[in-house]
Amino acid sequence: MENTSYYNLNNRDILREVTVKIGLERIDMQERVTVEVLLDSGTMELVISSEFTRKQEFKLKRIERPIYIRNVDGTFNMKKPIE
């Protein structure tokens, strides 16, 4: 599987991560960039790192209400919310 990183599945090791190549477009500049992303089937939102957006020079807009992230166990993540 080209877009999948895994351990030996024949030995009943679990699949560690699945990545997919996607295209992003900067609407203001009509430029496209192809990136490899982690596919997380447990997430409830689509997120992108602020570091990546700075490096790719994407324009950001602050959202009206911050999004607080919960961990798998239901507790709030200690990092700051998505703004």
N, C-alpha and C. Protein backbone atom coordinates (compact mmCIF):
# COMPACT_ATOMS: atom_id res chain seq x y z
N MET A 1 0.84 -1.17 0.00
CA MET A 1 0.00 0.00 0.00
C MET A 1 0.89 1.23 0.00
N GLU A 2 0.85 1.98 -1.04
CA GLU A 2 1.76 3.11 -1.22
C GLU A 2 1.59 4.20 -0.17
N ASN A 3 0.36 4.51 0.22
CA ASN A 3 0.11 5.62 1.14
C ASN A 3 -0.09 5.15 2.58
N THR A 4 0.36 3.96 2.91
CA THR A 4 0.12 3.44 4.25
C THR A 4 1.43 3.05 4.91
N SER A 5 1.59 3.49 6.15
CA SER A 5 2.73 3.04 6.96
C SER A 5 2.20 2.02 7.94
N TYR A 6 2.80 0.85 8.00
CA TYR A 6 2.27 -0.18 8.87
C TYR A 6 3.39 -1.10 9.33
N TYR A 7 3.07 -1.84 10.38
CA TYR A 7 3.97 -2.89 10.83
C TYR A 7 3.50 -4.19 10.21
N ASN A 8 4.22 -5.25 10.37
CA ASN A 8 3.90 -6.54 9.77
C ASN A 8 2.51 -7.01 10.20
N LEU A 9 1.55 -6.88 9.30
CA LEU A 9 0.17 -7.24 9.62
C LEU A 9 -0.02 -8.75 9.75
N ASN A 10 0.90 -9.52 9.17
CA ASN A 10 0.80 -10.97 9.28
C ASN A 10 1.06 -11.44 10.71
N ASN A 11 1.76 -10.64 11.49
CA ASN A 11 2.03 -10.98 12.89
C ASN A 11 1.02 -10.35 13.83
N ARG A 12 -0.11 -9.94 13.32
CA ARG A 12 -1.21 -9.34 14.08
C ARG A 12 -0.86 -8.01 14.72
N ASP A 13 0.18 -7.34 14.20
CA ASP A 13 0.48 -5.99 14.66
C ASP A 13 -0.60 -5.06 14.10
N ILE A 14 -0.92 -4.01 14.83
CA ILE A 14 -1.97 -3.13 14.38
C ILE A 14 -1.45 -2.10 13.39
N LEU A 15 -2.34 -1.62 12.57
CA LEU A 15 -2.03 -0.56 11.63
C LEU A 15 -1.75 0.71 12.41
N ARG A 16 -0.62 1.34 12.19
CA ARG A 16 -0.21 2.49 12.99
C ARG A 16 -0.72 3.81 12.42
N GLU A 17 -0.66 3.99 11.12
CA GLU A 17 -1.13 5.24 10.54
C GLU A 17 -1.45 5.05 9.06
N VAL A 18 -2.36 5.85 8.59
CA VAL A 18 -2.71 5.86 7.18
C VAL A 18 -2.56 7.30 6.69
N THR A 19 -1.80 7.48 5.63
CA THR A 19 -1.63 8.80 5.05
C THR A 19 -2.20 8.82 3.65
N VAL A 20 -2.65 10.00 3.23
CA VAL A 20 -3.26 10.18 1.92
C VAL A 20 -2.71 11.46 1.31
N LYS A 21 -2.49 11.46 0.00
CA LYS A 21 -2.07 12.68 -0.68
C LYS A 21 -3.32 13.44 -1.10
N ILE A 22 -3.34 14.75 -0.76
CA ILE A 22 -4.48 15.59 -1.14
C ILE A 22 -3.96 16.87 -1.77
N GLY A 23 -4.82 17.56 -2.47
CA GLY A 23 -4.48 18.85 -3.06
C GLY A 23 -5.18 19.96 -2.30
N LEU A 24 -4.43 21.01 -1.99
CA LEU A 24 -4.98 22.20 -1.36
C LEU A 24 -4.83 23.35 -2.35
N GLU A 25 -5.80 24.26 -2.32
CA GLU A 25 -5.73 25.41 -3.21
C GLU A 25 -5.82 26.70 -2.42
N ARG A 26 -4.93 27.61 -2.74
CA ARG A 26 -5.00 28.97 -2.19
C ARG A 26 -5.92 29.76 -3.09
N ILE A 27 -7.12 29.99 -2.62
CA ILE A 27 -8.14 30.65 -3.44
C ILE A 27 -7.70 32.04 -3.85
N ASP A 28 -7.07 32.78 -2.93
CA ASP A 28 -6.66 34.15 -3.24
C ASP A 28 -5.59 34.22 -4.32
N MET A 29 -4.77 33.18 -4.44
CA MET A 29 -3.68 33.18 -5.41
C MET A 29 -3.91 32.16 -6.53
N GLN A 30 -4.94 31.35 -6.39
CA GLN A 30 -5.26 30.29 -7.35
C GLN A 30 -4.05 29.39 -7.61
N GLU A 31 -3.35 29.06 -6.52
CA GLU A 31 -2.22 28.13 -6.58
C GLU A 31 -2.61 26.86 -5.87
N ARG A 32 -2.05 25.75 -6.31
CA ARG A 32 -2.32 24.47 -5.67
C ARG A 32 -1.05 23.89 -5.10
N VAL A 33 -1.21 23.14 -4.02
CA VAL A 33 -0.09 22.43 -3.41
C VAL A 33 -0.59 21.03 -3.05
N THR A 34 0.22 20.02 -3.32
CA THR A 34 -0.12 18.65 -2.96
C THR A 34 0.65 18.28 -1.70
N VAL A 35 -0.06 17.72 -0.72
CA VAL A 35 0.56 17.35 0.55
C VAL A 35 0.12 15.95 0.96
N GLU A 36 0.94 15.32 1.80
CA GLU A 36 0.59 14.03 2.37
C GLU A 36 0.05 14.29 3.76
N VAL A 37 -1.16 13.79 4.05
CA VAL A 37 -1.81 14.07 5.33
C VAL A 37 -2.11 12.77 6.06
N LEU A 38 -2.24 12.88 7.37
CA LEU A 38 -2.60 11.76 8.22
C LEU A 38 -4.12 11.63 8.22
N LEU A 39 -4.62 10.46 7.92
CA LEU A 39 -6.05 10.19 7.96
C LEU A 39 -6.39 9.66 9.34
N ASP A 40 -7.22 10.39 10.06
CA ASP A 40 -7.59 10.04 11.43
C ASP A 40 -9.08 9.79 11.47
N SER A 41 -9.49 8.54 11.54
CA SER A 41 -10.92 8.21 11.49
C SER A 41 -11.65 8.57 12.78
N GLY A 42 -10.93 8.97 13.82
CA GLY A 42 -11.56 9.32 15.07
C GLY A 42 -11.82 10.80 15.24
N THR A 43 -11.37 11.60 14.31
CA THR A 43 -11.52 13.04 14.45
C THR A 43 -12.92 13.50 14.07
N MET A 44 -13.32 14.61 14.65
CA MET A 44 -14.64 15.18 14.36
C MET A 44 -14.53 16.42 13.47
N GLU A 45 -13.34 16.91 13.24
CA GLU A 45 -13.11 18.14 12.48
C GLU A 45 -11.94 17.94 11.53
N LEU A 46 -11.81 18.86 10.59
CA LEU A 46 -10.64 18.93 9.74
C LEU A 46 -9.73 20.01 10.30
N VAL A 47 -8.47 19.68 10.51
CA VAL A 47 -7.54 20.65 11.08
C VAL A 47 -6.25 20.67 10.27
N ILE A 48 -5.56 21.81 10.38
CA ILE A 48 -4.29 21.99 9.70
C ILE A 48 -3.39 22.76 10.66
N SER A 49 -2.14 22.45 10.69
CA SER A 49 -1.26 23.10 11.67
C SER A 49 -0.95 24.53 11.25
N SER A 50 -0.83 25.41 12.23
CA SER A 50 -0.49 26.81 11.95
C SER A 50 0.92 26.91 11.39
N GLU A 51 1.82 26.02 11.81
CA GLU A 51 3.19 26.03 11.28
C GLU A 51 3.16 25.75 9.77
N PHE A 52 2.37 24.76 9.36
CA PHE A 52 2.26 24.43 7.93
C PHE A 52 1.69 25.61 7.15
N THR A 53 0.64 26.25 7.68
CA THR A 53 0.03 27.37 6.96
C THR A 53 1.00 28.54 6.82
N ARG A 54 1.83 28.78 7.84
CA ARG A 54 2.84 29.84 7.74
C ARG A 54 3.87 29.50 6.67
N LYS A 55 4.36 28.26 6.67
CA LYS A 55 5.37 27.86 5.69
C LYS A 55 4.83 27.93 4.26
N GLN A 56 3.56 27.59 4.09
CA GLN A 56 2.94 27.60 2.76
C GLN A 56 2.34 28.97 2.40
N GLU A 57 2.44 29.91 3.34
CA GLU A 57 1.95 31.28 3.15
C GLU A 57 0.45 31.35 2.88
N PHE A 58 -0.31 30.51 3.59
CA PHE A 58 -1.77 30.58 3.52
C PHE A 58 -2.23 31.76 4.38
N LYS A 59 -3.24 32.47 3.91
CA LYS A 59 -3.81 33.55 4.72
C LYS A 59 -4.78 32.91 5.72
N LEU A 60 -4.70 33.36 6.97
CA LEU A 60 -5.56 32.81 8.02
C LEU A 60 -6.58 33.85 8.47
N LYS A 61 -7.69 33.35 8.94
CA LYS A 61 -8.76 34.20 9.45
C LYS A 61 -9.18 33.64 10.80
N ARG A 62 -9.24 34.48 11.82
CA ARG A 62 -9.64 34.05 13.16
C ARG A 62 -11.12 33.64 13.14
N ILE A 63 -11.43 32.51 13.78
CA ILE A 63 -12.81 32.06 13.85
C ILE A 63 -13.53 32.75 15.01
N GLU A 64 -14.86 32.78 14.95
CA GLU A 64 -15.65 33.49 15.96
C GLU A 64 -15.49 32.91 17.36
N ARG A 65 -15.55 31.59 17.46
CA ARG A 65 -15.41 30.93 18.77
C ARG A 65 -14.30 29.89 18.71
N PRO A 66 -13.42 29.87 19.71
CA PRO A 66 -12.34 28.87 19.72
C PRO A 66 -12.91 27.45 19.80
N ILE A 67 -12.18 26.50 19.24
CA ILE A 67 -12.56 25.09 19.27
C ILE A 67 -11.64 24.39 20.27
N TYR A 68 -12.21 23.86 21.33
CA TYR A 68 -11.43 23.15 22.34
C TYR A 68 -11.36 21.68 21.95
N ILE A 69 -10.16 21.13 21.97
CA ILE A 69 -9.92 19.76 21.53
C ILE A 69 -9.96 18.82 22.72
N ARG A 70 -10.63 17.68 22.52
CA ARG A 70 -10.68 16.64 23.55
C ARG A 70 -9.77 15.49 23.15
N ASN A 71 -9.16 14.87 24.14
CA ASN A 71 -8.34 13.68 23.93
C ASN A 71 -9.24 12.46 23.80
N VAL A 72 -8.66 11.33 23.47
CA VAL A 72 -9.40 10.08 23.31
C VAL A 72 -10.19 9.74 24.58
N ASP A 73 -9.62 10.04 25.74
CA ASP A 73 -10.30 9.71 27.00
C ASP A 73 -11.36 10.73 27.40
N GLY A 74 -11.60 11.75 26.56
CA GLY A 74 -12.64 12.73 26.83
C GLY A 74 -12.17 13.98 27.55
N THR A 75 -10.93 13.98 28.05
CA THR A 75 -10.41 15.16 28.74
C THR A 75 -9.99 16.21 27.70
N PHE A 76 -9.98 17.47 28.13
CA PHE A 76 -9.55 18.53 27.22
C PHE A 76 -8.05 18.48 27.03
N ASN A 77 -7.61 18.72 25.80
CA ASN A 77 -6.19 18.76 25.49
C ASN A 77 -5.56 19.97 26.16
N MET A 78 -4.33 19.83 26.63
CA MET A 78 -3.64 20.90 27.36
C MET A 78 -3.13 22.02 26.44
N LYS A 79 -3.05 21.76 25.15
CA LYS A 79 -2.62 22.80 24.22
C LYS A 79 -3.72 23.85 24.10
N LYS A 80 -3.40 25.00 23.56
CA LYS A 80 -4.42 26.03 23.43
C LYS A 80 -5.46 25.62 22.38
N PRO A 81 -6.66 26.21 22.45
CA PRO A 81 -7.71 25.85 21.49
C PRO A 81 -7.38 26.35 20.09
N ILE A 82 -8.07 25.81 19.10
CA ILE A 82 -7.94 26.27 17.73
C ILE A 82 -8.67 27.59 17.61
N GLU A 83 -7.97 28.59 17.10
CA GLU A 83 -8.56 29.91 16.98
C GLU A 83 -8.58 30.37 15.54
